[in-house]
Every structure is written in structure tokens, then in C-alpha cells.
PDB file of all heavy atoms in Angstrom:
ATOM      1  N   ILE A   1      15.210  13.098  22.439  1.00  0.00           N
ATOM      2  CA  ILE A   1      14.650  14.456  22.438  1.00  0.00           C
ATOM      3  C   ILE A   1      13.175  14.350  22.761  1.00  0.00           C
ATOM      4  O   ILE A   1      12.474  13.447  22.267  1.00  0.00           O
ATOM      5  CB  ILE A   1      14.916  15.193  21.100  1.00  0.00           C
ATOM      6  CG1 ILE A   1      14.516  16.665  21.200  1.00  0.00           C
ATOM      7  CG2 ILE A   1      14.238  14.472  19.938  1.00  0.00           C
ATOM      8  CD1 ILE A   1      15.055  17.508  20.026  1.00  0.00           C
ATOM      9  N   CYS A   2      12.698  15.216  23.632  1.00  0.00           N
ATOM     10  CA  CYS A   2      11.302  15.222  24.052  1.00  0.00           C
ATOM     11  C   CYS A   2      10.668  16.578  23.728  1.00  0.00           C
ATOM     12  O   CYS A   2      11.380  17.549  23.465  1.00  0.00           O
ATOM     13  CB  CYS A   2      11.210  14.957  25.560  1.00  0.00           C
ATOM     14  SG  CYS A   2      11.841  13.335  26.024  1.00  0.00           S
ATOM     15  N   LEU A   3       9.369  16.616  23.748  1.00  0.00           N
ATOM     16  CA  LEU A   3       8.626  17.860  23.508  1.00  0.00           C
ATOM     17  C   LEU A   3       7.215  17.715  24.027  1.00  0.00           C
ATOM     18  O   LEU A   3       6.785  16.627  24.403  1.00  0.00           O
ATOM     19  CB  LEU A   3       8.628  18.184  22.006  1.00  0.00           C
ATOM     20  CG  LEU A   3       8.103  17.144  21.025  1.00  0.00           C
ATOM     21  CD1 LEU A   3       6.573  17.186  20.896  1.00  0.00           C
ATOM     22  CD2 LEU A   3       8.686  17.381  19.648  1.00  0.00           C
ATOM     23  N   ASP A   4       6.527  18.851  24.048  1.00  0.00           N
ATOM     24  CA  ASP A   4       5.081  18.797  24.308  1.00  0.00           C
ATOM     25  C   ASP A   4       4.397  19.645  23.254  1.00  0.00           C
ATOM     26  O   ASP A   4       4.949  20.603  22.730  1.00  0.00           O
ATOM     27  CB  ASP A   4       4.731  19.258  25.737  1.00  0.00           C
ATOM     28  CG  ASP A   4       5.188  20.660  26.063  1.00  0.00           C
ATOM     29  OD1 ASP A   4       4.443  21.612  25.725  1.00  0.00           O
ATOM     30  OD2 ASP A   4       6.276  20.818  26.642  1.00  0.00           O
ATOM     31  N   VAL A   5       3.190  19.221  22.878  1.00  0.00           N
ATOM     32  CA  VAL A   5       2.428  19.874  21.814  1.00  0.00           C
ATOM     33  C   VAL A   5       1.028  20.191  22.354  1.00  0.00           C
ATOM     34  O   VAL A   5       0.328  19.284  22.841  1.00  0.00           O
ATOM     35  CB  VAL A   5       2.257  18.964  20.575  1.00  0.00           C
ATOM     36  CG1 VAL A   5       1.570  19.707  19.454  1.00  0.00           C
ATOM     37  CG2 VAL A   5       3.581  18.405  20.136  1.00  0.00           C
ATOM     38  N   LEU A   6       0.672  21.461  22.284  1.00  0.00           N
ATOM     39  CA  LEU A   6      -0.685  21.836  22.690  1.00  0.00           C
ATOM     40  C   LEU A   6      -1.706  21.172  21.769  1.00  0.00           C
ATOM     41  O   LEU A   6      -1.426  20.975  20.579  1.00  0.00           O
ATOM     42  CB  LEU A   6      -0.824  23.354  22.625  1.00  0.00           C
ATOM     43  CG  LEU A   6       0.029  24.155  23.613  1.00  0.00           C
ATOM     44  CD1 LEU A   6      -0.091  25.661  23.344  1.00  0.00           C
ATOM     45  CD2 LEU A   6      -0.371  23.838  25.048  1.00  0.00           C
ATOM     46  N   PRO A   7      -2.870  20.832  22.299  1.00  0.00           N
ATOM     47  CA  PRO A   7      -3.866  20.106  21.496  1.00  0.00           C
ATOM     48  C   PRO A   7      -4.303  20.829  20.239  1.00  0.00           C
ATOM     49  O   PRO A   7      -4.661  20.210  19.248  1.00  0.00           O
ATOM     50  CB  PRO A   7      -5.029  19.870  22.457  1.00  0.00           C
ATOM     51  CG  PRO A   7      -4.763  20.724  23.634  1.00  0.00           C
ATOM     52  CD  PRO A   7      -3.326  21.088  23.665  1.00  0.00           C
ATOM     53  N   GLU A   8      -4.240  22.144  20.198  1.00  0.00           N
ATOM     54  CA  GLU A   8      -4.705  22.902  19.031  1.00  0.00           C
ATOM     55  C   GLU A   8      -3.708  22.842  17.866  1.00  0.00           C
ATOM     56  O   GLU A   8      -4.083  23.141  16.739  1.00  0.00           O
ATOM     57  CB  GLU A   8      -4.993  24.366  19.413  1.00  0.00           C
ATOM     58  CG  GLU A   8      -3.751  25.118  19.823  1.00  0.00           C
ATOM     59  CD  GLU A   8      -4.096  26.451  20.495  1.00  0.00           C
ATOM     60  OE1 GLU A   8      -4.424  26.439  21.688  1.00  0.00           O
ATOM     61  OE2 GLU A   8      -4.057  27.465  19.789  1.00  0.00           O
ATOM     62  N   PHE A   9      -2.492  22.424  18.117  1.00  0.00           N
ATOM     63  CA  PHE A   9      -1.473  22.381  17.060  1.00  0.00           C
ATOM     64  C   PHE A   9      -1.443  21.019  16.385  1.00  0.00           C
ATOM     65  O   PHE A   9      -0.464  20.287  16.462  1.00  0.00           O
ATOM     66  CB  PHE A   9      -0.100  22.775  17.618  1.00  0.00           C
ATOM     67  CG  PHE A   9      -0.021  24.205  18.095  1.00  0.00           C
ATOM     68  CD1 PHE A   9       0.620  24.519  19.275  1.00  0.00           C
ATOM     69  CD2 PHE A   9      -0.618  25.235  17.374  1.00  0.00           C
ATOM     70  CE1 PHE A   9       0.682  25.835  19.730  1.00  0.00           C
ATOM     71  CE2 PHE A   9      -0.568  26.553  17.815  1.00  0.00           C
ATOM     72  CZ  PHE A   9       0.082  26.850  18.994  1.00  0.00           C
ATOM     73  N   LYS A  10      -2.499  20.726  15.663  1.00  0.00           N
ATOM     74  CA  LYS A  10      -2.667  19.403  15.016  1.00  0.00           C
ATOM     75  C   LYS A  10      -1.651  19.189  13.884  1.00  0.00           C
ATOM     76  O   LYS A  10      -1.154  18.076  13.717  1.00  0.00           O
ATOM     77  CB  LYS A  10      -4.105  19.275  14.511  1.00  0.00           C
ATOM     78  CG  LYS A  10      -5.130  19.242  15.639  1.00  0.00           C
ATOM     79  CD  LYS A  10      -6.532  19.118  15.113  1.00  0.00           C
ATOM     80  CE  LYS A  10      -7.602  19.229  16.163  1.00  0.00           C
ATOM     81  NZ  LYS A  10      -7.277  18.988  17.517  1.00  0.00           N
ATOM     82  N   THR A  11      -1.324  20.233  13.136  1.00  0.00           N
ATOM     83  CA  THR A  11      -0.333  20.086  12.062  1.00  0.00           C
ATOM     84  C   THR A  11       1.029  19.763  12.648  1.00  0.00           C
ATOM     85  O   THR A  11       1.742  18.892  12.145  1.00  0.00           O
ATOM     86  CB  THR A  11      -0.271  21.368  11.213  1.00  0.00           C
ATOM     87  OG1 THR A  11      -1.564  21.600  10.664  1.00  0.00           O
ATOM     88  CG2 THR A  11       0.737  21.227  10.079  1.00  0.00           C
ATOM     89  N   ALA A  12       1.389  20.422  13.745  1.00  0.00           N
ATOM     90  CA  ALA A  12       2.691  20.153  14.401  1.00  0.00           C
ATOM     91  C   ALA A  12       2.696  18.717  14.925  1.00  0.00           C
ATOM     92  O   ALA A  12       3.711  18.018  14.770  1.00  0.00           O
ATOM     93  CB  ALA A  12       2.922  21.135  15.532  1.00  0.00           C
ATOM     94  N   LEU A  13       1.599  18.271  15.506  1.00  0.00           N
ATOM     95  CA  LEU A  13       1.537  16.891  16.003  1.00  0.00           C
ATOM     96  C   LEU A  13       1.756  15.901  14.885  1.00  0.00           C
ATOM     97  O   LEU A  13       2.528  14.947  15.031  1.00  0.00           O
ATOM     98  CB  LEU A  13       0.180  16.655  16.701  1.00  0.00           C
ATOM     99  CG  LEU A  13      -0.030  15.294  17.275  1.00  0.00           C
ATOM    100  CD1 LEU A  13       0.989  14.955  18.368  1.00  0.00           C
ATOM    101  CD2 LEU A  13      -1.441  15.178  17.847  1.00  0.00           C
ATOM    102  N   ARG A  14       1.123  16.113  13.727  1.00  0.00           N
ATOM    103  CA  ARG A  14       1.331  15.221  12.579  1.00  0.00           C
ATOM    104  C   ARG A  14       2.800  15.243  12.130  1.00  0.00           C
ATOM    105  O   ARG A  14       3.362  14.212  11.780  1.00  0.00           O
ATOM    106  CB  ARG A  14       0.406  15.623  11.409  1.00  0.00           C
ATOM    107  CG  ARG A  14      -1.013  15.143  11.554  1.00  0.00           C
ATOM    108  CD  ARG A  14      -1.822  15.280  10.271  1.00  0.00           C
ATOM    109  NE  ARG A  14      -1.851  16.636   9.731  1.00  0.00           N
ATOM    110  CZ  ARG A  14      -2.696  17.572  10.083  1.00  0.00           C
ATOM    111  NH1 ARG A  14      -3.625  17.328  10.981  1.00  0.00           N
ATOM    112  NH2 ARG A  14      -2.656  18.774   9.535  1.00  0.00           N
ATOM    113  N   LEU A  15       3.370  16.420  12.110  1.00  0.00           N
ATOM    114  CA  LEU A  15       4.784  16.544  11.698  1.00  0.00           C
ATOM    115  C   LEU A  15       5.664  15.731  12.657  1.00  0.00           C
ATOM    116  O   LEU A  15       6.503  14.947  12.193  1.00  0.00           O
ATOM    117  CB  LEU A  15       5.194  18.021  11.696  1.00  0.00           C
ATOM    118  CG  LEU A  15       6.674  18.288  11.381  1.00  0.00           C
ATOM    119  CD1 LEU A  15       7.023  17.826   9.962  1.00  0.00           C
ATOM    120  CD2 LEU A  15       6.975  19.770  11.571  1.00  0.00           C
ATOM    121  N   TYR A  16       5.505  15.886  13.937  1.00  0.00           N
ATOM    122  CA  TYR A  16       6.327  15.174  14.891  1.00  0.00           C
ATOM    123  C   TYR A  16       6.139  13.652  14.780  1.00  0.00           C
ATOM    124  O   TYR A  16       7.110  12.903  14.815  1.00  0.00           O
ATOM    125  CB  TYR A  16       6.073  15.627  16.330  1.00  0.00           C
ATOM    126  CG  TYR A  16       6.346  17.093  16.541  1.00  0.00           C
ATOM    127  CD1 TYR A  16       5.472  17.891  17.275  1.00  0.00           C
ATOM    128  CD2 TYR A  16       7.469  17.714  15.968  1.00  0.00           C
ATOM    129  CE1 TYR A  16       5.739  19.236  17.463  1.00  0.00           C
ATOM    130  CE2 TYR A  16       7.712  19.063  16.163  1.00  0.00           C
ATOM    131  CZ  TYR A  16       6.842  19.820  16.897  1.00  0.00           C
ATOM    132  OH  TYR A  16       7.090  21.160  17.086  1.00  0.00           O
ATOM    133  N   LYS A  17       4.889  13.226  14.593  1.00  0.00           N
ATOM    134  CA  LYS A  17       4.655  11.806  14.413  1.00  0.00           C
ATOM    135  C   LYS A  17       5.318  11.271  13.179  1.00  0.00           C
ATOM    136  O   LYS A  17       5.804  10.147  13.146  1.00  0.00           O
ATOM    137  CB  LYS A  17       3.149  11.510  14.390  1.00  0.00           C
ATOM    138  CG  LYS A  17       2.499  11.607  15.756  1.00  0.00           C
ATOM    139  CD  LYS A  17       1.005  11.279  15.679  1.00  0.00           C
ATOM    140  CE  LYS A  17       0.396  11.250  17.053  1.00  0.00           C
ATOM    141  NZ  LYS A  17      -1.033  10.930  17.002  1.00  0.00           N
ATOM    142  N   SER A  18       5.415  12.099  12.120  1.00  0.00           N
ATOM    143  CA  SER A  18       6.049  11.671  10.877  1.00  0.00           C
ATOM    144  C   SER A  18       7.545  11.427  11.077  1.00  0.00           C
ATOM    145  O   SER A  18       8.160  10.682  10.309  1.00  0.00           O
ATOM    146  CB  SER A  18       5.812  12.684   9.745  1.00  0.00           C
ATOM    147  OG  SER A  18       6.661  13.811   9.895  1.00  0.00           O
ATOM    148  N   TYR A  19       8.138  12.009  12.108  1.00  0.00           N
ATOM    149  CA  TYR A  19       9.555  11.784  12.425  1.00  0.00           C
ATOM    150  C   TYR A  19       9.740  10.602  13.353  1.00  0.00           C
ATOM    151  O   TYR A  19      10.869  10.233  13.647  1.00  0.00           O
ATOM    152  CB  TYR A  19      10.145  13.021  13.081  1.00  0.00           C
ATOM    153  CG  TYR A  19      10.555  14.062  12.074  1.00  0.00           C
ATOM    154  CD1 TYR A  19       9.650  15.026  11.644  1.00  0.00           C
ATOM    155  CD2 TYR A  19      11.833  14.075  11.532  1.00  0.00           C
ATOM    156  CE1 TYR A  19      10.017  15.987  10.713  1.00  0.00           C
ATOM    157  CE2 TYR A  19      12.207  15.031  10.611  1.00  0.00           C
ATOM    158  CZ  TYR A  19      11.294  15.970  10.197  1.00  0.00           C
ATOM    159  OH  TYR A  19      11.655  16.897   9.262  1.00  0.00           O
ATOM    160  N   GLY A  20       8.640  10.034  13.836  1.00  0.00           N
ATOM    161  CA  GLY A  20       8.736   8.880  14.716  1.00  0.00           C
ATOM    162  C   GLY A  20       8.555   9.221  16.192  1.00  0.00           C
ATOM    163  O   GLY A  20       8.752   8.363  17.055  1.00  0.00           O
ATOM    164  N   PHE A  21       8.237  10.457  16.512  1.00  0.00           N
ATOM    165  CA  PHE A  21       7.941  10.796  17.900  1.00  0.00           C
ATOM    166  C   PHE A  21       6.741   9.973  18.374  1.00  0.00           C
ATOM    167  O   PHE A  21       5.782   9.777  17.631  1.00  0.00           O
ATOM    168  CB  PHE A  21       7.594  12.274  18.057  1.00  0.00           C
ATOM    169  CG  PHE A  21       8.788  13.202  18.106  1.00  0.00           C
ATOM    170  CD1 PHE A  21       9.380  13.668  16.944  1.00  0.00           C
ATOM    171  CD2 PHE A  21       9.330  13.586  19.325  1.00  0.00           C
ATOM    172  CE1 PHE A  21      10.466  14.539  16.983  1.00  0.00           C
ATOM    173  CE2 PHE A  21      10.408  14.435  19.382  1.00  0.00           C
ATOM    174  CZ  PHE A  21      10.983  14.921  18.214  1.00  0.00           C
ATOM    175  N   VAL A  22       6.841   9.484  19.610  1.00  0.00           N
ATOM    176  CA  VAL A  22       5.775   8.710  20.211  1.00  0.00           C
ATOM    177  C   VAL A  22       5.438   9.293  21.572  1.00  0.00           C
ATOM    178  O   VAL A  22       6.209  10.077  22.131  1.00  0.00           O
ATOM    179  CB  VAL A  22       6.171   7.207  20.363  1.00  0.00           C
ATOM    180  CG1 VAL A  22       6.380   6.556  19.008  1.00  0.00           C
ATOM    181  CG2 VAL A  22       7.415   7.061  21.222  1.00  0.00           C
ATOM    182  N   GLU A  23       4.278   8.899  22.088  1.00  0.00           N
ATOM    183  CA  GLU A  23       3.874   9.396  23.409  1.00  0.00           C
ATOM    184  C   GLU A  23       4.975   9.058  24.427  1.00  0.00           C
ATOM    185  O   GLU A  23       5.601   7.999  24.353  1.00  0.00           O
ATOM    186  CB  GLU A  23       2.551   8.783  23.827  1.00  0.00           C
ATOM    187  CG  GLU A  23       1.366   9.183  22.930  1.00  0.00           C
ATOM    188  CD  GLU A  23       1.061  10.679  22.927  1.00  0.00           C
ATOM    189  OE1 GLU A  23       1.131  11.342  23.980  1.00  0.00           O
ATOM    190  OE2 GLU A  23       0.736  11.200  21.851  1.00  0.00           O
ATOM    191  N   HIS A  24       5.195   9.985  25.361  1.00  0.00           N
ATOM    192  CA  HIS A  24       6.295   9.876  26.311  1.00  0.00           C
ATOM    193  C   HIS A  24       5.843  10.520  27.618  1.00  0.00           C
ATOM    194  O   HIS A  24       5.005  11.433  27.585  1.00  0.00           O
ATOM    195  CB  HIS A  24       7.510  10.589  25.722  1.00  0.00           C
ATOM    196  CG  HIS A  24       8.788  10.381  26.465  1.00  0.00           C
ATOM    197  ND1 HIS A  24       9.088  11.092  27.606  1.00  0.00           N
ATOM    198  CD2 HIS A  24       9.806   9.570  26.258  1.00  0.00           C
ATOM    199  CE1 HIS A  24      10.280  10.726  28.043  1.00  0.00           C
ATOM    200  NE2 HIS A  24      10.733   9.773  27.232  1.00  0.00           N
ATOM    201  N   SER A  25       6.428  10.138  28.701  1.00  0.00           N
ATOM    202  CA  SER A  25       6.086  10.801  29.971  1.00  0.00           C
ATOM    203  C   SER A  25       6.569  12.248  29.910  1.00  0.00           C
ATOM    204  O   SER A  25       7.553  12.571  29.243  1.00  0.00           O
ATOM    205  CB  SER A  25       6.722  10.061  31.142  1.00  0.00           C
ATOM    206  OG  SER A  25       8.117   9.989  30.963  1.00  0.00           O
ATOM    207  N   PRO A  26       5.856  13.157  30.584  1.00  0.00           N
ATOM    208  CA  PRO A  26       6.240  14.565  30.554  1.00  0.00           C
ATOM    209  C   PRO A  26       7.628  14.804  31.124  1.00  0.00           C
ATOM    210  O   PRO A  26       8.013  14.187  32.114  1.00  0.00           O
ATOM    211  CB  PRO A  26       5.179  15.252  31.445  1.00  0.00           C
ATOM    212  CG  PRO A  26       4.033  14.303  31.487  1.00  0.00           C
ATOM    213  CD  PRO A  26       4.623  12.939  31.366  1.00  0.00           C
ATOM    214  N   VAL A  27       8.357  15.726  30.499  1.00  0.00           N
ATOM    215  CA  VAL A  27       9.670  16.114  31.044  1.00  0.00           C
ATOM    216  C   VAL A  27       9.627  17.523  31.584  1.00  0.00           C
ATOM    217  O   VAL A  27      10.570  17.972  32.218  1.00  0.00           O
ATOM    218  CB  VAL A  27      10.790  15.999  29.978  1.00  0.00           C
ATOM    219  CG1 VAL A  27      10.988  14.554  29.557  1.00  0.00           C
ATOM    220  CG2 VAL A  27      10.498  16.876  28.766  1.00  0.00           C
ATOM    221  N   THR A  28       8.517  18.234  31.347  1.00  0.00           N
ATOM    222  CA  THR A  28       8.319  19.571  31.897  1.00  0.00           C
ATOM    223  C   THR A  28       6.854  19.688  32.325  1.00  0.00           C
ATOM    224  O   THR A  28       6.017  18.878  31.947  1.00  0.00           O
ATOM    225  CB  THR A  28       8.616  20.674  30.876  1.00  0.00           C
ATOM    226  OG1 THR A  28       7.810  20.466  29.715  1.00  0.00           O
ATOM    227  CG2 THR A  28      10.077  20.674  30.449  1.00  0.00           C
ATOM    228  N   ASN A  29       6.593  20.740  33.083  1.00  0.00           N
ATOM    229  CA  ASN A  29       5.241  20.988  33.535  1.00  0.00           C
ATOM    230  C   ASN A  29       4.432  21.679  32.434  1.00  0.00           C
ATOM    231  O   ASN A  29       4.832  22.740  31.955  1.00  0.00           O
ATOM    232  CB  ASN A  29       5.266  21.871  34.776  1.00  0.00           C
ATOM    233  CG  ASN A  29       3.881  22.305  35.215  1.00  0.00           C
ATOM    234  OD1 ASN A  29       2.944  21.511  35.242  1.00  0.00           O
ATOM    235  ND2 ASN A  29       3.730  23.580  35.535  1.00  0.00           N
ATOM    236  N   ASN A  30       3.344  21.056  32.006  1.00  0.00           N
ATOM    237  CA  ASN A  30       2.390  21.677  31.123  1.00  0.00           C
ATOM    238  C   ASN A  30       1.004  21.199  31.528  1.00  0.00           C
ATOM    239  O   ASN A  30       0.606  20.095  31.185  1.00  0.00           O
ATOM    240  CB  ASN A  30       2.674  21.336  29.659  1.00  0.00           C
ATOM    241  CG  ASN A  30       1.765  22.096  28.716  1.00  0.00           C
ATOM    242  OD1 ASN A  30       0.655  22.495  29.071  1.00  0.00           O
ATOM    243  ND2 ASN A  30       2.228  22.322  27.499  1.00  0.00           N
ATOM    244  N   PRO A  31       0.261  22.047  32.252  1.00  0.00           N
ATOM    245  CA  PRO A  31      -1.049  21.637  32.776  1.00  0.00           C
ATOM    246  C   PRO A  31      -2.198  21.769  31.801  1.00  0.00           C
ATOM    247  O   PRO A  31      -3.346  21.517  32.165  1.00  0.00           O
ATOM    248  CB  PRO A  31      -1.228  22.581  33.972  1.00  0.00           C
ATOM    249  CG  PRO A  31      -0.546  23.847  33.526  1.00  0.00           C
ATOM    250  CD  PRO A  31       0.654  23.389  32.746  1.00  0.00           C
ATOM    251  N   VAL A  32      -1.939  22.151  30.543  1.00  0.00           N
ATOM    252  CA  VAL A  32      -3.021  22.345  29.565  1.00  0.00           C
ATOM    253  C   VAL A  32      -3.625  20.984  29.235  1.00  0.00           C
ATOM    254  O   VAL A  32      -2.922  20.087  28.759  1.00  0.00           O
ATOM    255  CB  VAL A  32      -2.488  23.052  28.296  1.00  0.00           C
ATOM    256  CG1 VAL A  32      -3.612  23.160  27.257  1.00  0.00           C
ATOM    257  CG2 VAL A  32      -1.924  24.416  28.621  1.00  0.00           C
ATOM    258  N   PRO A  33      -4.929  20.801  29.485  1.00  0.00           N
ATOM    259  CA  PRO A  33      -5.581  19.540  29.159  1.00  0.00           C
ATOM    260  C   PRO A  33      -5.408  19.163  27.695  1.00  0.00           C
ATOM    261  O   PRO A  33      -5.532  20.013  26.816  1.00  0.00           O
ATOM    262  CB  PRO A  33      -7.047  19.781  29.515  1.00  0.00           C
ATOM    263  CG  PRO A  33      -7.034  20.941  30.441  1.00  0.00           C
ATOM    264  CD  PRO A  33      -5.874  21.775  30.046  1.00  0.00           C
ATOM    265  N   GLY A  34      -5.119  17.888  27.438  1.00  0.00           N
ATOM    266  CA  GLY A  34      -4.987  17.399  26.072  1.00  0.00           C
ATOM    267  C   GLY A  34      -3.625  17.574  25.460  1.00  0.00           C
ATOM    268  O   GLY A  34      -3.399  17.180  24.310  1.00  0.00           O
ATOM    269  N   THR A  35      -2.687  18.141  26.225  1.00  0.00           N
ATOM    270  CA  THR A  35      -1.320  18.316  25.700  1.00  0.00           C
ATOM    271  C   THR A  35      -0.707  16.931  25.422  1.00  0.00           C
ATOM    272  O   THR A  35      -0.879  16.015  26.200  1.00  0.00           O
ATOM    273  CB  THR A  35      -0.450  19.087  26.708  1.00  0.00           C
ATOM    274  OG1 THR A  35      -0.948  20.418  26.810  1.00  0.00           O
ATOM    275  CG2 THR A  35       1.004  19.145  26.262  1.00  0.00           C
ATOM    276  N   HIS A  36      -0.020  16.803  24.312  1.00  0.00           N
ATOM    277  CA  HIS A  36       0.690  15.590  23.947  1.00  0.00           C
ATOM    278  C   HIS A  36       2.134  15.729  24.366  1.00  0.00           C
ATOM    279  O   HIS A  36       2.810  16.690  24.010  1.00  0.00           O
ATOM    280  CB  HIS A  36       0.629  15.337  22.443  1.00  0.00           C
ATOM    281  CG  HIS A  36      -0.734  15.077  21.932  1.00  0.00           C
ATOM    282  ND1 HIS A  36      -1.271  13.814  21.892  1.00  0.00           N
ATOM    283  CD2 HIS A  36      -1.687  15.908  21.472  1.00  0.00           C
ATOM    284  CE1 HIS A  36      -2.481  13.880  21.387  1.00  0.00           C
ATOM    285  NE2 HIS A  36      -2.758  15.129  21.143  1.00  0.00           N
ATOM    286  N   PHE A  37       2.629  14.766  25.124  1.00  0.00           N
ATOM    287  CA  PHE A  37       4.030  14.693  25.520  1.00  0.00           C
ATOM    288  C   PHE A  37       4.651  13.600  24.696  1.00  0.00           C
ATOM    289  O   PHE A  37       4.161  12.467  24.678  1.00  0.00           O
ATOM    290  CB  PHE A  37       4.145  14.394  27.018  1.00  0.00           C
ATOM    291  CG  PHE A  37       3.521  15.489  27.873  1.00  0.00           C
ATOM    292  CD1 PHE A  37       2.221  15.371  28.324  1.00  0.00           C
ATOM    293  CD2 PHE A  37       4.242  16.636  28.205  1.00  0.00           C
ATOM    294  CE1 PHE A  37       1.638  16.345  29.083  1.00  0.00           C
ATOM    295  CE2 PHE A  37       3.676  17.623  28.975  1.00  0.00           C
ATOM    296  CZ  PHE A  37       2.385  17.495  29.412  1.00  0.00           C
ATOM    297  N   MET A  38       5.734  13.919  23.998  1.00  0.00           N
ATOM    298  CA  MET A  38       6.298  12.984  23.039  1.00  0.00           C
ATOM    299  C   MET A  38       7.815  12.902  23.184  1.00  0.00           C
ATOM    300  O   MET A  38       8.460  13.807  23.709  1.00  0.00           O
ATOM    301  CB  MET A  38       5.940  13.431  21.620  1.00  0.00           C
ATOM    302  CG  MET A  38       4.436  13.630  21.428  1.00  0.00           C
ATOM    303  SD  MET A  38       3.998  14.074  19.761  1.00  0.00           S
ATOM    304  CE  MET A  38       3.940  12.417  19.087  1.00  0.00           C
ATOM    305  N   GLY A  39       8.383  11.802  22.667  1.00  0.00           N
ATOM    306  CA  GLY A  39       9.826  11.623  22.678  1.00  0.00           C
ATOM    307  C   GLY A  39      10.278  10.877  21.443  1.00  0.00           C
ATOM    308  O   GLY A  39       9.495  10.168  20.800  1.00  0.00           O
ATOM    309  N   LEU A  40      11.540  11.048  21.118  1.00  0.00           N
ATOM    310  CA  LEU A  40      12.153  10.386  19.961  1.00  0.00           C
ATOM    311  C   LEU A  40      13.531   9.909  20.350  1.00  0.00           C
ATOM    312  O   LEU A  40      14.339  10.681  20.895  1.00  0.00           O
ATOM    313  CB  LEU A  40      12.262  11.362  18.780  1.00  0.00           C
ATOM    314  CG  LEU A  40      12.945  10.831  17.521  1.00  0.00           C
ATOM    315  CD1 LEU A  40      12.115   9.734  16.858  1.00  0.00           C
ATOM    316  CD2 LEU A  40      13.228  11.970  16.548  1.00  0.00           C
ATOM    317  N   ASN A  41      13.814   8.641  20.066  1.00  0.00           N
ATOM    318  CA  ASN A  41      15.149   8.079  20.267  1.00  0.00           C
ATOM    319  C   ASN A  41      16.055   8.610  19.167  1.00  0.00           C
ATOM    320  O   ASN A  41      15.863   8.298  17.987  1.00  0.00           O
ATOM    321  CB  ASN A  41      15.059   6.547  20.229  1.00  0.00           C
ATOM    322  CG  ASN A  41      16.392   5.869  20.389  1.00  0.00           C
ATOM    323  OD1 ASN A  41      17.434   6.431  20.098  1.00  0.00           O
ATOM    324  ND2 ASN A  41      16.358   4.630  20.824  1.00  0.00           N
ATOM    325  N   LEU A  42      17.045   9.388  19.521  1.00  0.00           N
ATOM    326  CA  LEU A  42      17.915  10.015  18.515  1.00  0.00           C
ATOM    327  C   LEU A  42      18.928   9.045  17.925  1.00  0.00           C
ATOM    328  O   LEU A  42      19.494   9.336  16.861  1.00  0.00           O
ATOM    329  CB  LEU A  42      18.636  11.217  19.090  1.00  0.00           C
ATOM    330  CG  LEU A  42      17.710  12.427  19.346  1.00  0.00           C
ATOM    331  CD1 LEU A  42      18.471  13.520  20.112  1.00  0.00           C
ATOM    332  CD2 LEU A  42      17.166  12.967  18.049  1.00  0.00           C
ATOM    333  N   GLU A  43      19.176   7.929  18.562  1.00  0.00           N
ATOM    334  CA  GLU A  43      20.090   6.968  17.980  1.00  0.00           C
ATOM    335  C   GLU A  43      19.533   6.436  16.664  1.00  0.00           C
ATOM    336  O   GLU A  43      20.254   6.290  15.691  1.00  0.00           O
ATOM    337  CB  GLU A  43      20.407   5.857  18.980  1.00  0.00           C
ATOM    338  CG  GLU A  43      21.230   6.359  20.141  1.00  0.00           C
ATOM    339  CD  GLU A  43      21.363   5.379  21.293  1.00  0.00           C
ATOM    340  OE1 GLU A  43      20.517   4.449  21.394  1.00  0.00           O
ATOM    341  OE2 GLU A  43      22.312   5.534  22.035  1.00  0.00           O
ATOM    342  N   GLY A  44      18.261   6.173  16.618  1.00  0.00           N
ATOM    343  CA  GLY A  44      17.595   5.739  15.386  1.00  0.00           C
ATOM    344  C   GLY A  44      17.614   6.850  14.335  1.00  0.00           C
ATOM    345  O   GLY A  44      17.845   6.606  13.158  1.00  0.00           O
ATOM    346  N   TYR A  45      17.401   8.081  14.762  1.00  0.00           N
ATOM    347  CA  TYR A  45      17.413   9.208  13.841  1.00  0.00           C
ATOM    348  C   TYR A  45      18.827   9.404  13.302  1.00  0.00           C
ATOM    349  O   TYR A  45      19.022   9.699  12.131  1.00  0.00           O
ATOM    350  CB  TYR A  45      16.908  10.482  14.525  1.00  0.00           C
ATOM    351  CG  TYR A  45      16.818  11.634  13.561  1.00  0.00           C
ATOM    352  CD1 TYR A  45      15.755  11.717  12.635  1.00  0.00           C
ATOM    353  CD2 TYR A  45      17.796  12.593  13.510  1.00  0.00           C
ATOM    354  CE1 TYR A  45      15.695  12.775  11.754  1.00  0.00           C
ATOM    355  CE2 TYR A  45      17.731  13.658  12.611  1.00  0.00           C
ATOM    356  CZ  TYR A  45      16.674  13.729  11.731  1.00  0.00           C
ATOM    357  OH  TYR A  45      16.613  14.752  10.824  1.00  0.00           O
TER     358      TYR A  45
END
């Protein structure tokens, strides 16, 4: 599962990292500077 997080959503970013999401290549277009693109291997989850 992948996602993107706008830079202003710091609480959401912490939440996703707590689940093991890590930086990932973008899967959708989001041109907002500083956006975090993340992914999580669901087999481990």
C-alpha cells in the first residue's frame, strides 16, 4: 500500500511511520514541494 502526505500533515506522517511506512517512489502525481511518498509491505502487516 502506498500513499502521499502533504508536508503540513506532520501528525499523519508520524502515524504512518509508526506503522512501518517508509519513503517510496511516487505512485501518483503530486507536485506539492516537500510531499512525502511512502509505502508499506502488507505481507509483513
